[in-house]
Amino acid sequence: MIFEATLIGLLCYLGALSSPWLFGLTGGWYLISRPLVSGMLVGLILGDVKTGILIGVAVQAVYIAMVTPGGSMPADLNFVAYPAIALGILSGKGPEVAVALAATIGIAGTILFNTMMMLNSFWNHRADSALERGDERGIYLNSAIWPQATNFVLRFVPTFIAVYFGAQYISGFMDSLPAIVISTMSVLGGILPAVGIAILLKQIIKNYTMIIYFLVGFICIVFLKLNMVALVIVGALLALIHYNYKPEAPQTAAAKPTVDDEDEF
């Protein structure tokens, strides 16, 4: 597992919020750190692409509404995307248990993220001191090299350890847990994606009557068994009906011309 753990650790570093190598945030944080993408990559590395994608989809639903204003995040999505999904695949317990593992590891990952931010403040002070001395090499090292070295260590090392040693113990550990614990994790893992979708709906829906369109889509998938192509066509039809045939807002009194205004013309 040394090769697999090394690759997953490198991907975890490349997809980190502060890693600049894959076109900055575009290719790293906003692409390969999305659980849907990382699930496929981790599954490809571990030799089980199908399970990786299934777990990635379930985990993506949990964090679909997560935003990181100013670098502040309730859970470290990068650790969710790589060591958590890798351990979920290695556990062999299905997407529901993997989601519960991902939620736990994601919250724990914020500790390492905050540690990195604290260490970066130390490097920034050293860069300021180098600037006062006119030390160009010190400015470069403390603003570019050492922060990235810190980021690499805090991303690669925990991921490598989790995957390398987790591959030996995670399956046996999960098998040793009581059935009620596994059942609880499965139930919680099944609920969390619904919570993620609910948070997303709360963010994007301004008028609560619009939720009927979401429910129509739910009925089309669950009860009518439509595929995604058919659902897109239904959604486009509903959007056309809504925006073309919705009643116009009544014109206010201030907008109507008065008799005096008409006489002036």
C-alpha atoms as a PDB file:
ATOM      1  CA  MET A   1       0.000   0.000   0.000  1.00  0.00           C
ATOM      2  CA  ILE A   2       3.012   2.372  -0.001  1.00  0.00           C
ATOM      3  CA  PHE A   3       2.463   3.412  -3.615  1.00  0.00           C
ATOM      4  CA  GLU A   4      -1.312   3.850  -3.204  1.00  0.00           C
ATOM      5  CA  ALA A   5      -0.933   5.779   0.071  1.00  0.00           C
ATOM      6  CA  THR A   6       1.689   8.046  -1.536  1.00  0.00           C
ATOM      7  CA  LEU A   7      -0.543   8.860  -4.511  1.00  0.00           C
ATOM      8  CA  ILE A   8      -3.556   9.616  -2.313  1.00  0.00           C
ATOM      9  CA  GLY A   9      -1.389  11.764  -0.022  1.00  0.00           C
ATOM     10  CA  LEU A  10      -0.084  13.751  -3.014  1.00  0.00           C
ATOM     11  CA  LEU A  11      -3.611  14.293  -4.319  1.00  0.00           C
ATOM     12  CA  CYS A  12      -4.677  15.448  -0.864  1.00  0.00           C
ATOM     13  CA  TYR A  13      -1.906  18.067  -0.910  1.00  0.00           C
ATOM     14  CA  LEU A  14      -2.589  19.174  -4.499  1.00  0.00           C
ATOM     15  CA  GLY A  15      -6.275  19.641  -3.736  1.00  0.00           C
ATOM     16  CA  ALA A  16      -5.747  21.631  -0.543  1.00  0.00           C
ATOM     17  CA  LEU A  17      -7.189  25.115  -0.189  1.00  0.00           C
ATOM     18  CA  SER A  18      -3.716  26.705  -0.057  1.00  0.00           C
ATOM     19  CA  SER A  19      -2.051  24.635  -2.792  1.00  0.00           C
ATOM     20  CA  PRO A  20      -1.277  26.685  -5.952  1.00  0.00           C
ATOM     21  CA  TRP A  21      -0.037  23.997  -8.337  1.00  0.00           C
ATOM     22  CA  LEU A  22      -3.234  22.998 -10.187  1.00  0.00           C
ATOM     23  CA  PHE A  23      -4.179  26.486 -11.442  1.00  0.00           C
ATOM     24  CA  GLY A  24      -4.699  27.612  -7.854  1.00  0.00           C
ATOM     25  CA  LEU A  25      -8.184  27.021  -6.489  1.00  0.00           C
ATOM     26  CA  THR A  26      -9.566  26.161  -9.930  1.00  0.00           C
ATOM     27  CA  GLY A  27      -7.946  22.772 -10.429  1.00  0.00           C
ATOM     28  CA  GLY A  28      -7.270  21.957  -6.791  1.00  0.00           C
ATOM     29  CA  TRP A  29      -9.917  23.000  -4.294  1.00  0.00           C
ATOM     30  CA  TYR A  30     -12.780  23.387  -6.767  1.00  0.00           C
ATOM     31  CA  LEU A  31     -12.013  20.276  -8.853  1.00  0.00           C
ATOM     32  CA  ILE A  32     -10.075  17.395  -7.366  1.00  0.00           C
ATOM     33  CA  SER A  33     -11.186  18.168  -3.794  1.00  0.00           C
ATOM     34  CA  ARG A  34     -14.840  17.691  -4.731  1.00  0.00           C
ATOM     35  CA  PRO A  35     -15.812  14.285  -3.241  1.00  0.00           C
ATOM     36  CA  LEU A  36     -17.460  13.237  -6.497  1.00  0.00           C
ATOM     37  CA  VAL A  37     -14.133  13.671  -8.347  1.00  0.00           C
ATOM     38  CA  SER A  38     -11.892  12.446  -5.542  1.00  0.00           C
ATOM     39  CA  GLY A  39     -14.053   9.350  -5.085  1.00  0.00           C
ATOM     40  CA  MET A  40     -13.330   8.349  -8.672  1.00  0.00           C
ATOM     41  CA  LEU A  41      -9.591   9.099  -8.290  1.00  0.00           C
ATOM     42  CA  VAL A  42      -9.247   7.233  -4.993  1.00  0.00           C
ATOM     43  CA  GLY A  43     -11.291   4.328  -6.339  1.00  0.00           C
ATOM     44  CA  LEU A  44      -9.029   4.192  -9.389  1.00  0.00           C
ATOM     45  CA  ILE A  45      -5.929   4.095  -7.185  1.00  0.00           C
ATOM     46  CA  LEU A  46      -7.352   1.437  -4.848  1.00  0.00           C
ATOM     47  CA  GLY A  47      -8.750  -0.651  -7.699  1.00  0.00           C
ATOM     48  CA  ASP A  48     -12.464  -0.167  -6.966  1.00  0.00           C
ATOM     49  CA  VAL A  49     -13.747   2.709  -9.086  1.00  0.00           C
ATOM     50  CA  LYS A  50     -17.432   1.788  -8.692  1.00  0.00           C
ATOM     51  CA  THR A  51     -17.339   1.891  -4.894  1.00  0.00           C
ATOM     52  CA  GLY A  52     -15.262   5.065  -4.992  1.00  0.00           C
ATOM     53  CA  ILE A  53     -17.831   6.852  -7.161  1.00  0.00           C
ATOM     54  CA  LEU A  54     -20.767   5.614  -5.056  1.00  0.00           C
ATOM     55  CA  ILE A  55     -19.108   6.842  -1.862  1.00  0.00           C
ATOM     56  CA  GLY A  56     -18.067  10.079  -3.568  1.00  0.00           C
ATOM     57  CA  VAL A  57     -21.658  10.795  -4.634  1.00  0.00           C
ATOM     58  CA  ALA A  58     -22.992  10.166  -1.122  1.00  0.00           C
ATOM     59  CA  VAL A  59     -20.303  12.324   0.513  1.00  0.00           C
ATOM     60  CA  GLN A  60     -20.739  15.077  -2.096  1.00  0.00           C
ATOM     61  CA  ALA A  61     -24.424  15.323  -1.194  1.00  0.00           C
ATOM     62  CA  VAL A  62     -23.501  15.968   2.455  1.00  0.00           C
ATOM     63  CA  TYR A  63     -21.157  18.849   1.626  1.00  0.00           C
ATOM     64  CA  ILE A  64     -22.905  20.185  -1.480  1.00  0.00           C
ATOM     65  CA  ALA A  65     -23.944  23.401   0.307  1.00  0.00           C
ATOM     66  CA  MET A  66     -20.701  23.997   2.220  1.00  0.00           C
ATOM     67  CA  VAL A  67     -19.078  27.386   1.662  1.00  0.00           C
ATOM     68  CA  THR A  68     -15.721  28.619   2.972  1.00  0.00           C
ATOM     69  CA  PRO A  69     -15.983  32.388   3.497  1.00  0.00           C
ATOM     70  CA  GLY A  70     -12.568  33.835   4.199  1.00  0.00           C
ATOM     71  CA  GLY A  71     -11.038  30.368   4.491  1.00  0.00           C
ATOM     72  CA  SER A  72     -13.279  29.497   7.453  1.00  0.00           C
ATOM     73  CA  MET A  73     -14.931  26.099   7.145  1.00  0.00           C
ATOM     74  CA  PRO A  74     -17.035  23.895   9.432  1.00  0.00           C
ATOM     75  CA  ALA A  75     -15.290  20.775   8.089  1.00  0.00           C
ATOM     76  CA  ASP A  76     -12.123  20.240   6.093  1.00  0.00           C
ATOM     77  CA  LEU A  77     -13.441  19.047   2.738  1.00  0.00           C
ATOM     78  CA  ASN A  78      -9.934  18.098   1.615  1.00  0.00           C
ATOM     79  CA  PHE A  79      -9.596  15.445   4.321  1.00  0.00           C
ATOM     80  CA  VAL A  80     -13.130  14.312   3.564  1.00  0.00           C
ATOM     81  CA  ALA A  81     -12.213  13.912  -0.103  1.00  0.00           C
ATOM     82  CA  TYR A  82      -9.116  11.745   0.331  1.00  0.00           C
ATOM     83  CA  PRO A  83      -8.285   9.923   3.596  1.00  0.00           C
ATOM     84  CA  ALA A  84     -11.960   9.642   4.577  1.00  0.00           C
ATOM     85  CA  ILE A  85     -13.139   8.274   1.229  1.00  0.00           C
ATOM     86  CA  ALA A  86     -10.107   5.969   1.068  1.00  0.00           C
ATOM     87  CA  LEU A  87     -10.919   4.549   4.501  1.00  0.00           C
ATOM     88  CA  GLY A  88     -14.554   4.235   3.455  1.00  0.00           C
ATOM     89  CA  ILE A  89     -13.538   2.105   0.466  1.00  0.00           C
ATOM     90  CA  LEU A  90     -11.112   0.027   2.519  1.00  0.00           C
ATOM     91  CA  SER A  91     -13.693  -0.603   5.255  1.00  0.00           C
ATOM     92  CA  GLY A  92     -15.967  -2.417   2.795  1.00  0.00           C
ATOM     93  CA  LYS A  93     -19.102  -1.341   4.696  1.00  0.00           C
ATOM     94  CA  GLY A  94     -20.893   0.653   2.010  1.00  0.00           C
ATOM     95  CA  PRO A  95     -21.530   4.340   1.313  1.00  0.00           C
ATOM     96  CA  GLU A  96     -23.631   4.973   4.437  1.00  0.00           C
ATOM     97  CA  VAL A  97     -20.847   3.994   6.851  1.00  0.00           C
ATOM     98  CA  ALA A  98     -18.314   5.840   4.676  1.00  0.00           C
ATOM     99  CA  VAL A  99     -20.402   9.026   4.976  1.00  0.00           C
ATOM    100  CA  ALA A 100     -20.378   8.767   8.765  1.00  0.00           C
ATOM    101  CA  LEU A 101     -16.591   8.272   8.718  1.00  0.00           C
ATOM    102  CA  ALA A 102     -16.180  11.234   6.367  1.00  0.00           C
ATOM    103  CA  ALA A 103     -18.220  13.543   8.604  1.00  0.00           C
ATOM    104  CA  THR A 104     -16.095  12.613  11.622  1.00  0.00           C
ATOM    105  CA  ILE A 105     -12.762  12.962   9.813  1.00  0.00           C
ATOM    106  CA  GLY A 106     -13.844  16.220   8.160  1.00  0.00           C
ATOM    107  CA  ILE A 107     -14.551  17.854  11.518  1.00  0.00           C
ATOM    108  CA  ALA A 108     -11.257  16.551  12.943  1.00  0.00           C
ATOM    109  CA  GLY A 109      -9.452  17.912   9.873  1.00  0.00           C
ATOM    110  CA  THR A 110     -10.329  21.472  10.870  1.00  0.00           C
ATOM    111  CA  ILE A 111      -7.827  21.109  13.718  1.00  0.00           C
ATOM    112  CA  LEU A 112      -4.986  20.553  11.245  1.00  0.00           C
ATOM    113  CA  PHE A 113      -6.289  23.334   9.004  1.00  0.00           C
ATOM    114  CA  ASN A 114      -6.258  25.803  11.897  1.00  0.00           C
ATOM    115  CA  THR A 115      -2.781  24.577  12.838  1.00  0.00           C
ATOM    116  CA  MET A 116      -1.596  25.354   9.313  1.00  0.00           C
ATOM    117  CA  MET A 117      -3.119  28.840   9.472  1.00  0.00           C
ATOM    118  CA  MET A 118      -1.380  29.480  12.782  1.00  0.00           C
ATOM    119  CA  LEU A 119       1.989  28.343  11.395  1.00  0.00           C
ATOM    120  CA  ASN A 120       1.482  30.483   8.300  1.00  0.00           C
ATOM    121  CA  SER A 121       1.121  33.497  10.584  1.00  0.00           C
ATOM    122  CA  PHE A 122       4.566  32.628  11.966  1.00  0.00           C
ATOM    123  CA  TRP A 123       6.032  32.530   8.455  1.00  0.00           C
ATOM    124  CA  ASN A 124       4.356  35.840   7.632  1.00  0.00           C
ATOM    125  CA  HIS A 125       6.044  37.529  10.605  1.00  0.00           C
ATOM    126  CA  ARG A 126       9.390  36.123   9.468  1.00  0.00           C
ATOM    127  CA  ALA A 127       8.732  37.467   5.963  1.00  0.00           C
ATOM    128  CA  ASP A 128       7.987  40.925   7.429  1.00  0.00           C
ATOM    129  CA  SER A 129      11.271  40.829   9.326  1.00  0.00           C
ATOM    130  CA  ALA A 130      13.100  39.815   6.149  1.00  0.00           C
ATOM    131  CA  LEU A 131      11.466  42.721   4.319  1.00  0.00           C
ATOM    132  CA  GLU A 132      12.695  45.180   6.917  1.00  0.00           C
ATOM    133  CA  ARG A 133      16.221  43.809   6.492  1.00  0.00           C
ATOM    134  CA  GLY A 134      15.973  43.904   2.714  1.00  0.00           C
ATOM    135  CA  ASP A 135      16.530  40.132   2.565  1.00  0.00           C
ATOM    136  CA  GLU A 136      14.932  39.077  -0.741  1.00  0.00           C
ATOM    137  CA  ARG A 137      15.786  35.406  -0.264  1.00  0.00           C
ATOM    138  CA  GLY A 138      14.214  35.436   3.212  1.00  0.00           C
ATOM    139  CA  ILE A 139      11.056  37.033   1.816  1.00  0.00           C
ATOM    140  CA  TYR A 140      10.783  34.332  -0.862  1.00  0.00           C
ATOM    141  CA  LEU A 141      11.435  31.443   1.530  1.00  0.00           C
ATOM    142  CA  ASN A 142       9.003  32.654   4.195  1.00  0.00           C
ATOM    143  CA  SER A 143       6.217  33.659   1.832  1.00  0.00           C
ATOM    144  CA  ALA A 144       6.364  30.815  -0.712  1.00  0.00           C
ATOM    145  CA  ILE A 145       8.540  27.843   0.283  1.00  0.00           C
ATOM    146  CA  TRP A 146       8.040  27.277   4.007  1.00  0.00           C
ATOM    147  CA  PRO A 147       4.228  27.798   3.982  1.00  0.00           C
ATOM    148  CA  GLN A 148       3.916  25.243   1.175  1.00  0.00           C
ATOM    149  CA  ALA A 149       6.236  22.853   3.028  1.00  0.00           C
ATOM    150  CA  THR A 150       3.984  23.183   6.082  1.00  0.00           C
ATOM    151  CA  ASN A 151       0.907  22.603   3.942  1.00  0.00           C
ATOM    152  CA  PHE A 152       2.515  19.512   2.375  1.00  0.00           C
ATOM    153  CA  VAL A 153       3.477  17.984   5.729  1.00  0.00           C
ATOM    154  CA  LEU A 154       0.052  18.567   7.283  1.00  0.00           C
ATOM    155  CA  ARG A 155      -1.748  17.115   4.250  1.00  0.00           C
ATOM    156  CA  PHE A 156       0.499  14.343   2.991  1.00  0.00           C
ATOM    157  CA  VAL A 157       1.671  12.791   6.266  1.00  0.00           C
ATOM    158  CA  PRO A 158      -1.737  12.244   7.967  1.00  0.00           C
ATOM    159  CA  THR A 159      -3.236  10.975   4.705  1.00  0.00           C
ATOM    160  CA  PHE A 160      -0.340   8.589   4.069  1.00  0.00           C
ATOM    161  CA  ILE A 161      -0.510   7.225   7.633  1.00  0.00           C
ATOM    162  CA  ALA A 162      -4.300   6.846   7.511  1.00  0.00           C
ATOM    163  CA  VAL A 163      -4.296   5.002   4.187  1.00  0.00           C
ATOM    164  CA  TYR A 164      -1.171   2.900   4.741  1.00  0.00           C
ATOM    165  CA  PHE A 165      -2.020   1.697   8.242  1.00  0.00           C
ATOM    166  CA  GLY A 166      -5.769   1.934   7.769  1.00  0.00           C
ATOM    167  CA  ALA A 167      -5.574  -0.597   4.954  1.00  0.00           C
ATOM    168  CA  GLN A 168      -4.330  -3.159   7.477  1.00  0.00           C
ATOM    169  CA  TYR A 169      -6.671  -2.423  10.349  1.00  0.00           C
ATOM    170  CA  ILE A 170      -9.808  -0.598   9.204  1.00  0.00           C
ATOM    171  CA  SER A 171     -11.612  -3.663   7.868  1.00  0.00           C
ATOM    172  CA  GLY A 172     -10.908  -5.740  10.982  1.00  0.00           C
ATOM    173  CA  PHE A 173     -11.784  -2.802  13.225  1.00  0.00           C
ATOM    174  CA  MET A 174     -15.119  -2.282  11.509  1.00  0.00           C
ATOM    175  CA  ASP A 175     -15.883  -6.008  11.731  1.00  0.00           C
ATOM    176  CA  SER A 176     -15.163  -5.953  15.467  1.00  0.00           C
ATOM    177  CA  LEU A 177     -17.717  -3.207  16.150  1.00  0.00           C
ATOM    178  CA  PRO A 178     -21.093  -4.287  17.554  1.00  0.00           C
ATOM    179  CA  ALA A 179     -23.921  -4.535  15.060  1.00  0.00           C
ATOM    180  CA  ILE A 180     -25.798  -1.694  16.729  1.00  0.00           C
ATOM    181  CA  VAL A 181     -22.857   0.661  16.127  1.00  0.00           C
ATOM    182  CA  ILE A 182     -22.725  -0.235  12.440  1.00  0.00           C
ATOM    183  CA  SER A 183     -26.491   0.166  12.184  1.00  0.00           C
ATOM    184  CA  THR A 184     -26.319   3.582  13.846  1.00  0.00           C
ATOM    185  CA  MET A 185     -23.562   4.706  11.502  1.00  0.00           C
ATOM    186  CA  SER A 186     -25.575   3.479   8.527  1.00  0.00           C
ATOM    187  CA  VAL A 187     -28.675   5.393   9.651  1.00  0.00           C
ATOM    188  CA  LEU A 188     -26.708   8.575  10.301  1.00  0.00           C
ATOM    189  CA  GLY A 189     -24.866   8.184   7.017  1.00  0.00           C
ATOM    190  CA  GLY A 190     -28.191   7.860   5.216  1.00  0.00           C
ATOM    191  CA  ILE A 191     -29.572  11.003   6.869  1.00  0.00           C
ATOM    192  CA  LEU A 192     -26.571  13.291   6.310  1.00  0.00           C
ATOM    193  CA  PRO A 193     -26.951  13.580   2.499  1.00  0.00           C
ATOM    194  CA  ALA A 194     -30.559  14.670   3.036  1.00  0.00           C
ATOM    195  CA  VAL A 195     -29.312  17.312   5.471  1.00  0.00           C
ATOM    196  CA  GLY A 196     -26.852  18.578   2.850  1.00  0.00           C
ATOM    197  CA  ILE A 197     -29.590  18.841   0.216  1.00  0.00           C
ATOM    198  CA  ALA A 198     -31.871  20.619   2.709  1.00  0.00           C
ATOM    199  CA  ILE A 199     -29.185  23.210   3.473  1.00  0.00           C
ATOM    200  CA  LEU A 200     -28.670  23.774  -0.249  1.00  0.00           C
ATOM    201  CA  LEU A 201     -32.407  24.269  -0.803  1.00  0.00           C
ATOM    202  CA  LYS A 202     -32.552  26.765   2.065  1.00  0.00           C
ATOM    203  CA  GLN A 203     -29.736  28.758   0.444  1.00  0.00           C
ATOM    204  CA  ILE A 204     -31.119  28.896  -3.096  1.00  0.00           C
ATOM    205  CA  ILE A 205     -34.900  28.984  -2.580  1.00  0.00           C
ATOM    206  CA  LYS A 206     -36.204  32.450  -1.736  1.00  0.00           C
ATOM    207  CA  ASN A 207     -39.906  31.661  -2.060  1.00  0.00           C
ATOM    208  CA  TYR A 208     -40.865  28.451  -0.264  1.00  0.00           C
ATOM    209  CA  THR A 209     -43.575  27.681  -2.821  1.00  0.00           C
ATOM    210  CA  MET A 210     -40.722  26.889  -5.232  1.00  0.00           C
ATOM    211  CA  ILE A 211     -39.961  23.715  -3.293  1.00  0.00           C
ATOM    212  CA  ILE A 212     -42.783  22.064  -5.248  1.00  0.00           C
ATOM    213  CA  TYR A 213     -40.417  21.800  -8.223  1.00  0.00           C
ATOM    214  CA  PHE A 214     -37.913  19.888  -6.104  1.00  0.00           C
ATOM    215  CA  LEU A 215     -40.673  17.540  -4.987  1.00  0.00           C
ATOM    216  CA  VAL A 216     -41.737  16.985  -8.619  1.00  0.00           C
ATOM    217  CA  GLY A 217     -38.163  15.987  -9.445  1.00  0.00           C
ATOM    218  CA  PHE A 218     -38.108  13.659  -6.435  1.00  0.00           C
ATOM    219  CA  ILE A 219     -41.315  11.957  -7.624  1.00  0.00           C
ATOM    220  CA  CYS A 220     -39.939  11.632 -11.166  1.00  0.00           C
ATOM    221  CA  ILE A 221     -36.817   9.835  -9.933  1.00  0.00           C
ATOM    222  CA  VAL A 222     -38.189   7.713  -7.086  1.00  0.00           C
ATOM    223  CA  PHE A 223     -41.667   6.762  -8.288  1.00  0.00           C
ATOM    224  CA  LEU A 224     -41.652   7.267 -12.066  1.00  0.00           C
ATOM    225  CA  LYS A 225     -38.082   5.891 -12.418  1.00  0.00           C
ATOM    226  CA  LEU A 226     -37.048   8.525 -14.978  1.00  0.00           C
ATOM    227  CA  ASN A 227     -33.393   8.804 -15.913  1.00  0.00           C
ATOM    228  CA  MET A 228     -31.414  12.047 -15.704  1.00  0.00           C
ATOM    229  CA  VAL A 229     -31.979  12.985 -19.357  1.00  0.00           C
ATOM    230  CA  ALA A 230     -35.754  12.744 -18.971  1.00  0.00           C
ATOM    231  CA  LEU A 231     -35.574  14.658 -15.670  1.00  0.00           C
ATOM    232  CA  VAL A 232     -33.644  17.506 -17.341  1.00  0.00           C
ATOM    233  CA  ILE A 233     -36.332  17.766 -20.030  1.00  0.00           C
ATOM    234  CA  VAL A 234     -39.079  17.847 -17.379  1.00  0.00           C
ATOM    235  CA  GLY A 235     -37.146  20.506 -15.463  1.00  0.00           C
ATOM    236  CA  ALA A 236     -36.669  22.626 -18.599  1.00  0.00           C
ATOM    237  CA  LEU A 237     -40.409  22.390 -19.320  1.00  0.00           C
ATOM    238  CA  LEU A 238     -41.309  23.486 -15.790  1.00  0.00           C
ATOM    239  CA  ALA A 239     -38.833  26.378 -16.001  1.00  0.00           C
ATOM    240  CA  LEU A 240     -40.369  27.492 -19.308  1.00  0.00           C
ATOM    241  CA  ILE A 241     -43.874  27.361 -17.888  1.00  0.00           C
ATOM    242  CA  HIS A 242     -42.863  29.235 -14.741  1.00  0.00           C
ATOM    243  CA  TYR A 243     -40.983  32.096 -16.377  1.00  0.00           C
ATOM    244  CA  ASN A 244     -43.245  32.548 -19.416  1.00  0.00           C
ATOM    245  CA  TYR A 245     -46.620  32.281 -17.749  1.00  0.00           C
ATOM    246  CA  LYS A 246     -46.092  33.663 -14.253  1.00  0.00           C
ATOM    247  CA  PRO A 247     -48.289  36.713 -13.460  1.00  0.00           C
ATOM    248  CA  GLU A 248     -46.610  40.072 -13.775  1.00  0.00           C
ATOM    249  CA  ALA A 249     -46.242  42.237 -10.698  1.00  0.00           C
ATOM    250  CA  PRO A 250     -48.970  44.908 -10.516  1.00  0.00           C
ATOM    251  CA  GLN A 251     -47.851  48.395 -11.474  1.00  0.00           C
ATOM    252  CA  THR A 252     -47.548  50.640  -8.455  1.00  0.00           C
ATOM    253  CA  ALA A 253     -49.324  53.948  -8.149  1.00  0.00           C
ATOM    254  CA  ALA A 254     -46.020  55.815  -8.243  1.00  0.00           C
ATOM    255  CA  ALA A 255     -45.221  54.329 -11.621  1.00  0.00           C
ATOM    256  CA  LYS A 256     -48.541  55.342 -13.223  1.00  0.00           C
ATOM    257  CA  PRO A 257     -48.570  58.760 -14.956  1.00  0.00           C
ATOM    258  CA  THR A 258     -50.806  61.364 -13.300  1.00  0.00           C
ATOM    259  CA  VAL A 259     -53.233  63.640 -15.097  1.00  0.00           C
ATOM    260  CA  ASP A 260     -50.837  66.579 -14.748  1.00  0.00           C
ATOM    261  CA  ASP A 261     -48.016  64.548 -16.275  1.00  0.00           C
ATOM    262  CA  GLU A 262     -50.196  63.662 -19.256  1.00  0.00           C
ATOM    263  CA  ASP A 263     -51.174  67.329 -19.731  1.00  0.00           C
ATOM    264  CA  GLU A 264     -47.519  68.329 -19.788  1.00  0.00           C
ATOM    265  CA  PHE A 265     -46.905  65.986 -22.708  1.00  0.00           C
END
